[in-house]
Amino acid sequence: MAAAVAPIPPPFFSPYLDDQCNKINSKPVPWEGYQRAKLLSADELSLLKSLNKLPQGQRTTVFATQGSQYAKLYIDLLRKLQRVDTVQAVLVSINDMLSDTSTIPLYHDLASQGNPEDPYGPLVKCLSMEEEFAVLASLRILALLIATDPKPFPSSLVPTLLASLQGLLNGTRLPLWEVAAQVLNAVLGRKQFRQAVWDEENCISGLIKSLKTNPNPQAQYWAICCLWQLSFEKTAAEGLDKKYDVVAILTNIAKNAVKEKVQRVVIATLRNLLVIAPSQNLPSMFMAKLLPFVISLQSRKWSDDEITEDLDYLKDELKTRLEGLSTYDEYISELESGHLVWSPAHETEDFWKENGMRIGQESDGKAVRRLVELLTTSRDPVVLAVAAHDIGQFIKYGGDKSKRTIENLNGKTKVMELMSHENADVRYQALMTVQRLMSQHWTK
């Protein structure tokens, strides 16, 4: 999995959508009525009727000679027709035509025939319809055309497309989520969409929600493939773990996965995160104990050589970067990751006697600022309890200015607020720290 761009997206899997296509295909469309209403020309009607007479298997011959006419006809029909049943029929016709991949460039060529937003404008317009099939079928067609188009997608249409996807990805209906995840995976092969999706965020939140709640291996695979493609974008690689805790989520999924393809895309994503944004992701990889897990995976037999290569890289790189870490370095890595646990450093008095002053002084007190930040940003009671405890230890061992440092960072107010937290351990640690803040003397 070395590149994010594929010329043709993987086969689209949606029995739900295929079943609806078959039902719509079986219904006749009164095209003659549209001609009488002057919505169709005689030539357009002739094209439609001549194709409808042929079984699906024989239409390839027609497309070989008249394909460009049919591509233009279908997009023009979407532009001017409003009735739901007719739009459905046109979308099914486009879907059937594109099943022969040689016809795909015929749609790309429409942009040079008058309207620069063709073929996308009329398809994106269908996303605003309240009818479910029209939205899903349009998305599937858009995915195929965008993923294979050498030209950029019209930037003015990106927000509408992403709004449609994020609505489905954050919804509760699994068949609709599956379509949206596959469409997102297809368009993320384009750099244009990777940055746009990262900026939009709601699509990613839908993927993360699914990874946390849906154990289905296929759904996991689609969601992680999207994260993998996103991780090629530097800004995304730098921010995915900070915003969404992806290192811990992906490591946990890989530990419990029963499908090799799920583990394969997890490992590829973790490699990307380490290659592209090591400083942002190493702390969480350390906290997730990724190195021993990678070593355990190396003992397995894999059908894909790329997994072996990625595992070798992760092992060597993690080992090099983590070897020789002192207890203090481990503490700082844990702090940067935001995933505080009751590891020995927190509870060992000798650690604080040795490092209390250092934590307040090194990097202009970055570690102390991070502790106070976690009191505001974290919702995990363990993180809150450990951070409150560590602030108390800093006050105790960090020197004469430690108390003032915490007050200047507004840490006193934040710790006091935690005294009424619903979790008993958080309340206790906050109380102990407030007592130190209020005390006139403390142990140096």
Protein backbone atom coordinates (compact mmCIF):
# COMPACT_ATOMS: atom_id res chain seq x y z
CA MET A 1 0.00 0.00 0.00
CA ALA A 2 2.61 2.46 -1.10
CA ALA A 3 0.55 5.04 -2.96
CA ALA A 4 -2.70 6.85 -2.30
CA VAL A 5 -3.84 7.24 -5.90
CA ALA A 6 -5.44 4.44 -7.91
CA PRO A 7 -6.61 4.88 -11.52
CA ILE A 8 -9.78 2.90 -10.88
CA PRO A 9 -11.39 2.52 -7.44
CA PRO A 10 -11.96 -0.97 -6.05
CA PRO A 11 -15.21 -2.76 -6.91
CA PHE A 12 -18.17 -1.04 -5.32
CA PHE A 13 -20.03 -3.29 -2.89
CA SER A 14 -23.62 -2.43 -2.02
CA PRO A 15 -26.26 -5.17 -2.35
CA TYR A 16 -28.75 -2.61 -1.03
CA LEU A 17 -28.09 -0.19 -3.90
CA ASP A 18 -27.83 -2.95 -6.51
CA ASP A 19 -31.23 -4.29 -5.51
CA GLN A 20 -32.80 -0.86 -5.97
CA CYS A 21 -31.12 -0.50 -9.38
CA ASN A 22 -32.66 -3.79 -10.52
CA LYS A 23 -36.13 -2.71 -9.38
CA ILE A 24 -35.88 0.63 -11.19
CA ASN A 25 -34.54 -1.05 -14.33
CA SER A 26 -37.68 -3.17 -14.52
CA LYS A 27 -40.00 -0.14 -14.71
CA PRO A 28 -40.78 1.42 -18.10
CA VAL A 29 -40.23 5.17 -18.53
CA PRO A 30 -42.71 7.15 -20.68
CA TRP A 31 -40.10 9.00 -22.71
CA GLU A 32 -42.65 9.85 -25.43
CA GLY A 33 -44.48 12.05 -22.93
CA TYR A 34 -41.33 14.03 -22.34
CA GLN A 35 -40.96 14.61 -26.06
CA ARG A 36 -44.54 15.86 -26.27
CA ALA A 37 -43.73 18.23 -23.41
CA LYS A 38 -40.74 19.41 -25.48
CA LEU A 39 -38.26 18.21 -22.83
CA LEU A 40 -36.79 15.73 -25.31
CA SER A 41 -35.89 16.18 -28.96
CA ALA A 42 -36.81 13.56 -31.56
CA ASP A 43 -33.15 12.54 -31.82
CA GLU A 44 -32.84 12.12 -28.04
CA LEU A 45 -36.00 10.01 -27.96
CA SER A 46 -34.65 7.86 -30.77
CA LEU A 47 -31.40 7.25 -28.88
CA LEU A 48 -33.26 6.21 -25.73
CA LYS A 49 -35.73 3.91 -27.48
CA SER A 50 -33.12 2.18 -29.64
CA LEU A 51 -31.01 1.36 -26.58
CA ASN A 52 -33.94 0.19 -24.48
CA LYS A 53 -34.76 -2.44 -27.10
CA LEU A 54 -31.40 -4.14 -26.58
CA PRO A 55 -30.52 -6.52 -23.73
CA GLN A 56 -27.78 -5.27 -21.41
CA GLY A 57 -25.13 -7.54 -22.91
CA GLN A 58 -25.53 -6.11 -26.40
CA ARG A 59 -25.31 -2.43 -25.47
CA THR A 60 -21.50 -2.39 -25.42
CA THR A 61 -21.50 -2.47 -29.22
CA VAL A 62 -23.72 0.62 -29.34
CA PHE A 63 -21.51 2.49 -26.84
CA ALA A 64 -18.45 1.71 -28.96
CA THR A 65 -19.83 3.87 -31.76
CA GLN A 66 -22.35 6.20 -30.11
CA GLY A 67 -21.10 6.29 -26.51
CA SER A 68 -20.27 10.00 -26.48
CA GLN A 69 -23.83 10.81 -27.60
CA TYR A 70 -25.31 8.74 -24.77
CA ALA A 71 -22.99 10.25 -22.16
CA LYS A 72 -24.04 13.75 -23.21
CA LEU A 73 -27.70 12.75 -23.39
CA TYR A 74 -27.79 11.32 -19.86
CA ILE A 75 -26.05 14.33 -18.29
CA ASP A 76 -28.30 16.74 -20.21
CA LEU A 77 -31.36 14.83 -18.98
CA LEU A 78 -30.22 15.16 -15.36
CA ARG A 79 -29.77 18.87 -15.95
CA LYS A 80 -33.33 19.48 -17.15
CA LEU A 81 -35.54 16.77 -15.65
CA GLN A 82 -37.07 17.01 -12.18
CA ARG A 83 -39.35 13.99 -11.71
CA VAL A 84 -37.92 11.50 -9.25
CA ASP A 85 -38.74 8.37 -11.23
CA THR A 86 -37.14 9.77 -14.38
CA VAL A 87 -34.00 10.91 -12.57
CA GLN A 88 -33.77 7.44 -11.05
CA ALA A 89 -33.99 5.83 -14.49
CA VAL A 90 -31.28 8.08 -15.92
CA LEU A 91 -28.95 7.37 -13.00
CA VAL A 92 -29.42 3.64 -13.47
CA SER A 93 -28.65 4.04 -17.18
CA ILE A 94 -25.43 5.89 -16.39
CA ASN A 95 -24.50 3.25 -13.82
CA ASP A 96 -25.10 0.47 -16.35
CA MET A 97 -23.12 2.28 -19.03
CA LEU A 98 -20.14 2.83 -16.69
CA SER A 99 -20.00 -0.87 -15.87
CA ASP A 100 -18.06 -0.97 -19.14
CA THR A 101 -15.02 1.02 -17.95
CA SER A 102 -14.07 1.97 -21.50
CA THR A 103 -16.97 4.45 -21.45
CA ILE A 104 -15.60 6.42 -18.46
CA PRO A 105 -13.49 8.85 -20.54
CA LEU A 106 -16.60 9.75 -22.56
CA TYR A 107 -17.99 11.44 -19.45
CA HIS A 108 -14.71 13.16 -18.64
CA ASP A 109 -14.68 14.60 -22.17
CA LEU A 110 -17.99 16.42 -21.63
CA ALA A 111 -16.22 19.29 -19.83
CA SER A 112 -14.69 20.35 -23.16
CA GLN A 113 -18.06 20.43 -24.92
CA GLY A 114 -19.51 23.63 -23.50
CA ASN A 115 -20.07 23.38 -19.73
CA PRO A 116 -16.83 23.11 -17.69
CA GLU A 117 -18.72 21.62 -14.72
CA ASP A 118 -19.92 18.64 -16.77
CA PRO A 119 -20.38 15.84 -16.04
CA TYR A 120 -20.33 16.72 -12.34
CA GLY A 121 -22.75 19.64 -11.96
CA PRO A 122 -25.96 17.72 -12.81
CA LEU A 123 -24.85 14.73 -10.72
CA VAL A 124 -24.07 16.89 -7.69
CA LYS A 125 -27.46 18.56 -8.13
CA CYS A 126 -29.06 15.16 -7.48
CA LEU A 127 -27.47 15.11 -4.01
CA SER A 128 -29.94 17.77 -2.89
CA MET A 129 -32.93 15.55 -3.73
CA GLU A 130 -34.86 14.14 -0.80
CA GLU A 131 -35.15 10.75 -2.51
CA GLU A 132 -32.60 8.30 -1.10
CA PHE A 133 -31.79 6.31 -4.23
CA ALA A 134 -31.01 9.41 -6.28
CA VAL A 135 -28.46 10.50 -3.66
CA LEU A 136 -26.79 7.08 -3.34
CA ALA A 137 -26.67 6.37 -7.07
CA SER A 138 -25.25 9.83 -7.80
CA LEU A 139 -22.58 9.32 -5.17
CA ARG A 140 -21.54 5.99 -6.64
CA ILE A 141 -21.26 7.49 -10.15
CA LEU A 142 -19.37 10.51 -8.83
CA ALA A 143 -16.89 8.26 -7.04
CA LEU A 144 -16.01 6.39 -10.21
CA LEU A 145 -15.71 9.51 -12.34
CA ILE A 146 -13.70 11.55 -9.81
CA ALA A 147 -11.27 8.73 -9.08
CA THR A 148 -10.46 8.28 -12.77
CA ASP A 149 -10.54 11.88 -14.01
CA PRO A 150 -7.13 13.37 -14.91
CA LYS A 151 -8.60 16.85 -14.35
CA PRO A 152 -9.41 18.40 -10.95
CA PHE A 153 -12.96 18.19 -9.67
CA PRO A 154 -14.73 21.60 -9.85
CA SER A 155 -13.85 23.25 -6.53
CA SER A 156 -17.24 24.96 -6.29
CA LEU A 157 -18.93 21.54 -6.03
CA VAL A 158 -16.68 20.09 -3.31
CA PRO A 159 -18.66 21.47 -0.31
CA THR A 160 -21.94 19.98 -1.54
CA LEU A 161 -20.39 16.58 -2.14
CA LEU A 162 -18.71 16.49 1.27
CA ALA A 163 -21.87 17.69 3.01
CA SER A 164 -23.76 14.75 1.51
CA LEU A 165 -21.07 12.28 2.56
CA GLN A 166 -20.72 13.55 6.10
CA GLY A 167 -24.49 13.33 6.63
CA LEU A 168 -24.49 9.65 5.64
CA LEU A 169 -21.29 8.83 7.54
CA ASN A 170 -22.70 10.27 10.76
CA GLY A 171 -26.11 8.68 10.28
CA THR A 172 -27.46 5.47 11.78
CA ARG A 173 -28.30 3.42 8.69
CA LEU A 174 -25.51 0.98 7.86
CA PRO A 175 -26.29 0.45 4.12
CA LEU A 176 -26.06 4.22 3.57
CA TRP A 177 -22.86 4.47 5.64
CA GLU A 178 -21.31 1.70 3.52
CA VAL A 179 -21.98 3.60 0.30
CA ALA A 180 -20.61 6.85 1.73
CA ALA A 181 -17.45 5.19 3.11
CA GLN A 182 -16.66 3.61 -0.26
CA VAL A 183 -17.27 6.89 -2.09
CA LEU A 184 -15.03 8.74 0.36
CA ASN A 185 -12.33 6.10 -0.07
CA ALA A 186 -12.49 6.52 -3.85
CA VAL A 187 -12.23 10.33 -3.88
CA LEU A 188 -9.48 10.46 -1.24
CA GLY A 189 -7.14 9.11 -3.88
CA ARG A 190 -7.07 12.73 -5.08
CA LYS A 191 -4.95 15.22 -3.12
CA GLN A 192 -7.63 17.85 -3.70
CA PHE A 193 -10.05 15.84 -1.58
CA ARG A 194 -7.60 14.81 1.13
CA GLN A 195 -7.04 18.40 2.20
CA ALA A 196 -10.73 19.27 1.81
CA VAL A 197 -11.85 16.32 3.94
CA TRP A 198 -9.30 17.16 6.61
CA ASP A 199 -10.53 20.77 6.71
CA GLU A 200 -14.19 19.69 6.82
CA GLU A 201 -13.70 17.19 9.72
CA ASN A 202 -17.26 15.80 9.94
CA CYS A 203 -16.52 13.01 7.47
CA ILE A 204 -13.63 11.88 9.69
CA SER A 205 -15.78 11.96 12.82
CA GLY A 206 -18.20 9.56 11.10
CA LEU A 207 -15.35 7.16 10.32
CA ILE A 208 -14.03 7.30 13.89
CA LYS A 209 -17.50 6.75 15.34
CA SER A 210 -17.88 3.63 13.19
CA LEU A 211 -14.47 2.28 14.21
CA LYS A 212 -15.43 2.67 17.87
CA THR A 213 -18.87 1.07 17.58
CA ASN A 214 -19.02 -1.26 14.56
CA PRO A 215 -16.90 -4.45 14.81
CA ASN A 216 -17.76 -5.57 11.26
CA PRO A 217 -14.42 -6.28 9.50
CA GLN A 218 -15.56 -4.91 6.14
CA ALA A 219 -16.76 -1.66 7.68
CA GLN A 220 -13.50 -1.41 9.61
CA TYR A 221 -11.55 -1.93 6.39
CA TRP A 222 -13.39 0.82 4.50
CA ALA A 223 -13.03 3.29 7.36
CA ILE A 224 -9.32 2.59 7.86
CA CYS A 225 -8.65 2.79 4.12
CA CYS A 226 -10.01 6.35 4.28
CA LEU A 227 -7.70 7.18 7.21
CA TRP A 228 -4.78 5.59 5.36
CA GLN A 229 -5.33 7.80 2.33
CA LEU A 230 -5.78 10.86 4.55
CA SER A 231 -2.47 10.09 6.26
CA PHE A 232 -0.59 10.91 3.04
CA GLU A 233 -1.52 14.56 3.67
CA LYS A 234 1.02 16.10 6.05
CA THR A 235 -1.49 18.23 7.96
CA ALA A 236 -3.71 15.19 8.46
CA ALA A 237 -0.80 12.96 9.50
CA GLU A 238 0.17 15.58 12.08
CA GLY A 239 -3.31 16.01 13.49
CA LEU A 240 -5.17 12.68 13.22
CA ASP A 241 -3.94 11.30 16.53
CA LYS A 242 -4.23 14.55 18.45
CA LYS A 243 -7.83 15.09 17.34
CA TYR A 244 -9.12 11.53 17.11
CA ASP A 245 -6.77 9.25 19.11
CA VAL A 246 -6.22 7.12 16.00
CA VAL A 247 -3.01 5.39 17.11
CA ALA A 248 -4.71 3.76 20.10
CA ILE A 249 -7.88 3.01 18.11
CA LEU A 250 -6.01 1.40 15.21
CA THR A 251 -3.66 -0.58 17.44
CA ASN A 252 -6.60 -1.97 19.39
CA ILE A 253 -8.43 -2.93 16.18
CA ALA A 254 -5.32 -4.69 14.83
CA LYS A 255 -4.94 -6.66 18.06
CA ASN A 256 -8.49 -7.99 17.75
CA ALA A 257 -8.83 -8.23 13.96
CA VAL A 258 -9.64 -11.59 12.39
CA LYS A 259 -9.13 -10.43 8.79
CA GLU A 260 -5.63 -9.97 7.40
CA LYS A 261 -6.74 -7.10 5.17
CA VAL A 262 -7.80 -5.10 8.23
CA GLN A 263 -4.42 -5.60 9.90
CA ARG A 264 -2.70 -4.80 6.61
CA VAL A 265 -4.30 -1.38 6.25
CA VAL A 266 -3.82 -0.60 9.96
CA ILE A 267 -0.08 -1.31 9.70
CA ALA A 268 0.18 0.74 6.48
CA THR A 269 -1.58 3.68 8.16
CA LEU A 270 0.65 3.53 11.26
CA ARG A 271 3.71 3.46 9.01
CA ASN A 272 2.50 6.57 7.19
CA LEU A 273 1.93 8.38 10.48
CA LEU A 274 5.44 7.52 11.63
CA VAL A 275 7.12 8.43 8.32
CA ILE A 276 5.26 11.69 7.69
CA ALA A 277 4.75 13.05 11.22
CA PRO A 278 7.00 11.20 13.68
CA SER A 279 7.13 13.81 16.44
CA GLN A 280 3.33 14.08 16.57
CA ASN A 281 2.69 10.32 16.62
CA LEU A 282 5.61 8.72 18.45
CA PRO A 283 4.31 9.56 21.95
CA SER A 284 1.03 7.76 21.31
CA MET A 285 2.82 4.82 19.67
CA PHE A 286 4.93 4.54 22.80
CA MET A 287 1.85 4.66 25.05
CA ALA A 288 0.02 2.09 22.88
CA LYS A 289 3.03 -0.25 23.27
CA LEU A 290 3.19 -0.51 19.50
CA LEU A 291 6.75 -1.85 19.35
CA PRO A 292 6.11 -5.12 21.27
CA PHE A 293 2.89 -5.59 19.29
CA VAL A 294 4.73 -5.14 15.98
CA ILE A 295 7.37 -7.66 17.09
CA SER A 296 4.63 -10.17 17.93
CA LEU A 297 3.09 -9.69 14.47
CA GLN A 298 6.41 -10.41 12.77
CA SER A 299 6.24 -14.03 13.92
CA ARG A 300 3.12 -14.65 11.84
CA LYS A 301 2.96 -15.85 8.24
CA TRP A 302 1.45 -13.23 5.97
CA SER A 303 0.12 -13.68 2.45
CA ASP A 304 1.13 -10.12 1.51
CA ASP A 305 4.81 -9.14 1.38
CA GLU A 306 3.94 -5.48 1.94
CA ILE A 307 2.79 -6.26 5.50
CA THR A 308 6.17 -7.82 6.23
CA GLU A 309 7.97 -4.77 4.81
CA ASP A 310 5.83 -2.36 6.83
CA LEU A 311 6.31 -4.37 10.03
CA ASP A 312 10.08 -4.46 9.51
CA TYR A 313 10.13 -0.70 9.02
CA LEU A 314 7.99 -0.04 12.10
CA LYS A 315 10.10 -2.32 14.27
CA ASP A 316 13.41 -0.82 13.20
CA GLU A 317 12.22 2.77 13.39
CA LEU A 318 10.43 2.43 16.73
CA LYS A 319 13.32 0.52 18.24
CA THR A 320 15.81 3.19 17.13
CA ARG A 321 13.68 6.05 18.39
CA LEU A 322 12.60 4.47 21.68
CA GLU A 323 15.90 2.84 22.65
CA GLY A 324 17.65 4.64 25.46
CA LEU A 325 14.61 6.62 26.59
CA SER A 326 15.01 7.64 30.21
CA THR A 327 12.14 7.56 32.67
CA TYR A 328 11.88 11.32 32.20
CA ASP A 329 11.67 10.92 28.41
CA GLU A 330 8.96 8.30 28.86
CA TYR A 331 7.04 10.67 31.11
CA ILE A 332 7.25 13.51 28.57
CA SER A 333 6.15 11.16 25.76
CA GLU A 334 3.18 10.05 27.82
CA LEU A 335 2.32 13.66 28.58
CA GLU A 336 2.52 14.71 24.93
CA SER A 337 0.27 11.83 23.91
CA GLY A 338 -2.41 12.97 26.35
CA HIS A 339 -3.06 9.39 27.43
CA LEU A 340 -2.01 9.58 31.06
CA VAL A 341 -2.18 6.40 33.15
CA TRP A 342 -0.94 5.54 36.62
CA SER A 343 2.50 4.50 35.41
CA PRO A 344 5.34 4.35 38.00
CA ALA A 345 6.73 7.82 37.19
CA HIS A 346 3.60 9.53 38.50
CA GLU A 347 3.54 7.79 41.84
CA THR A 348 7.27 7.58 42.61
CA GLU A 349 8.48 10.32 44.93
CA ASP A 350 12.08 9.86 43.76
CA PHE A 351 11.01 10.72 40.20
CA TRP A 352 9.54 14.03 41.33
CA LYS A 353 12.47 14.84 43.58
CA GLU A 354 14.79 14.38 40.61
CA ASN A 355 12.63 15.98 37.92
CA GLY A 356 10.22 18.43 39.55
CA MET A 357 12.40 21.45 38.81
CA ARG A 358 13.24 20.17 35.32
CA ILE A 359 9.58 19.79 34.36
CA GLY A 360 8.97 23.43 35.21
CA GLN A 361 12.05 24.79 33.46
CA GLU A 362 12.71 22.69 30.36
CA SER A 363 11.28 24.00 27.07
CA ASP A 364 9.90 27.05 28.89
CA GLY A 365 7.68 24.91 31.09
CA LYS A 366 5.99 23.10 28.19
CA ALA A 367 5.25 20.02 30.33
CA VAL A 368 3.46 22.07 33.00
CA ARG A 369 1.40 23.87 30.36
CA ARG A 370 0.43 20.50 28.92
CA LEU A 371 -0.73 19.25 32.34
CA VAL A 372 -2.98 22.29 32.78
CA GLU A 373 -4.24 21.93 29.19
CA LEU A 374 -5.31 18.33 29.84
CA LEU A 375 -7.45 19.47 32.78
CA THR A 376 -9.54 21.40 30.25
CA THR A 377 -9.47 19.24 27.15
CA SER A 378 -9.71 15.68 28.50
CA ARG A 379 -12.92 13.90 29.43
CA ASP A 380 -11.17 10.77 30.67
CA PRO A 381 -11.35 10.59 34.50
CA VAL A 382 -8.02 8.71 34.69
CA VAL A 383 -6.28 11.45 32.68
CA LEU A 384 -7.86 14.14 34.84
CA ALA A 385 -6.90 12.40 38.08
CA VAL A 386 -3.29 11.82 36.99
CA ALA A 387 -2.90 15.38 35.67
CA ALA A 388 -4.29 16.87 38.90
CA HIS A 389 -1.94 14.64 40.92
CA ASP A 390 1.08 15.66 38.81
CA ILE A 391 0.32 19.35 39.24
CA GLY A 392 0.32 18.75 42.98
CA GLN A 393 3.69 16.99 42.72
CA PHE A 394 5.07 19.85 40.65
CA ILE A 395 3.94 22.32 43.30
CA LYS A 396 5.62 20.17 45.94
CA TYR A 397 8.93 19.65 44.16
CA GLY A 398 9.10 22.30 41.44
CA GLY A 399 10.58 25.11 43.49
CA ASP A 400 9.46 28.44 44.91
CA LYS A 401 7.82 29.66 41.70
CA SER A 402 5.81 26.52 40.97
CA LYS A 403 2.65 27.68 42.71
CA ARG A 404 2.70 31.02 40.89
CA THR A 405 3.35 29.21 37.59
CA ILE A 406 0.19 27.13 38.04
CA GLU A 407 -1.87 30.19 38.99
CA ASN A 408 -0.60 32.16 35.98
CA LEU A 409 -1.71 29.31 33.71
CA ASN A 410 -5.19 29.41 35.30
CA GLY A 411 -4.47 25.94 36.66
CA LYS A 412 -5.70 26.79 40.16
CA THR A 413 -9.20 27.53 38.84
CA LYS A 414 -9.27 24.38 36.73
CA VAL A 415 -8.16 22.15 39.62
CA MET A 416 -10.74 23.70 41.93
CA GLU A 417 -13.47 22.99 39.39
CA LEU A 418 -12.49 19.30 39.46
CA MET A 419 -13.24 19.13 43.18
CA SER A 420 -16.90 18.69 42.19
CA HIS A 421 -16.21 16.12 39.44
CA GLU A 422 -18.45 13.03 39.36
CA ASN A 423 -15.46 10.68 39.63
CA ALA A 424 -14.24 10.09 43.20
CA ASP A 425 -10.56 9.73 42.30
CA VAL A 426 -10.61 12.97 40.30
CA ARG A 427 -12.20 14.76 43.27
CA TYR A 428 -9.60 13.34 45.66
CA GLN A 429 -6.57 14.25 43.52
CA ALA A 430 -7.98 17.73 42.91
CA LEU A 431 -8.50 18.20 46.66
CA MET A 432 -4.93 17.16 47.45
CA THR A 433 -3.57 19.58 44.85
CA VAL A 434 -5.78 22.46 45.99
CA GLN A 435 -4.51 21.93 49.54
CA ARG A 436 -0.96 22.34 48.25
CA LEU A 437 -1.95 25.43 46.27
CA MET A 438 -3.52 26.97 49.39
CA SER A 439 -0.67 25.99 51.71
CA GLN A 440 1.88 28.65 52.71
CA HIS A 441 4.70 26.08 52.83
CA TRP A 442 5.62 23.07 50.78
CA THR A 443 8.45 20.58 50.65
CA LYS A 444 11.25 21.46 48.27
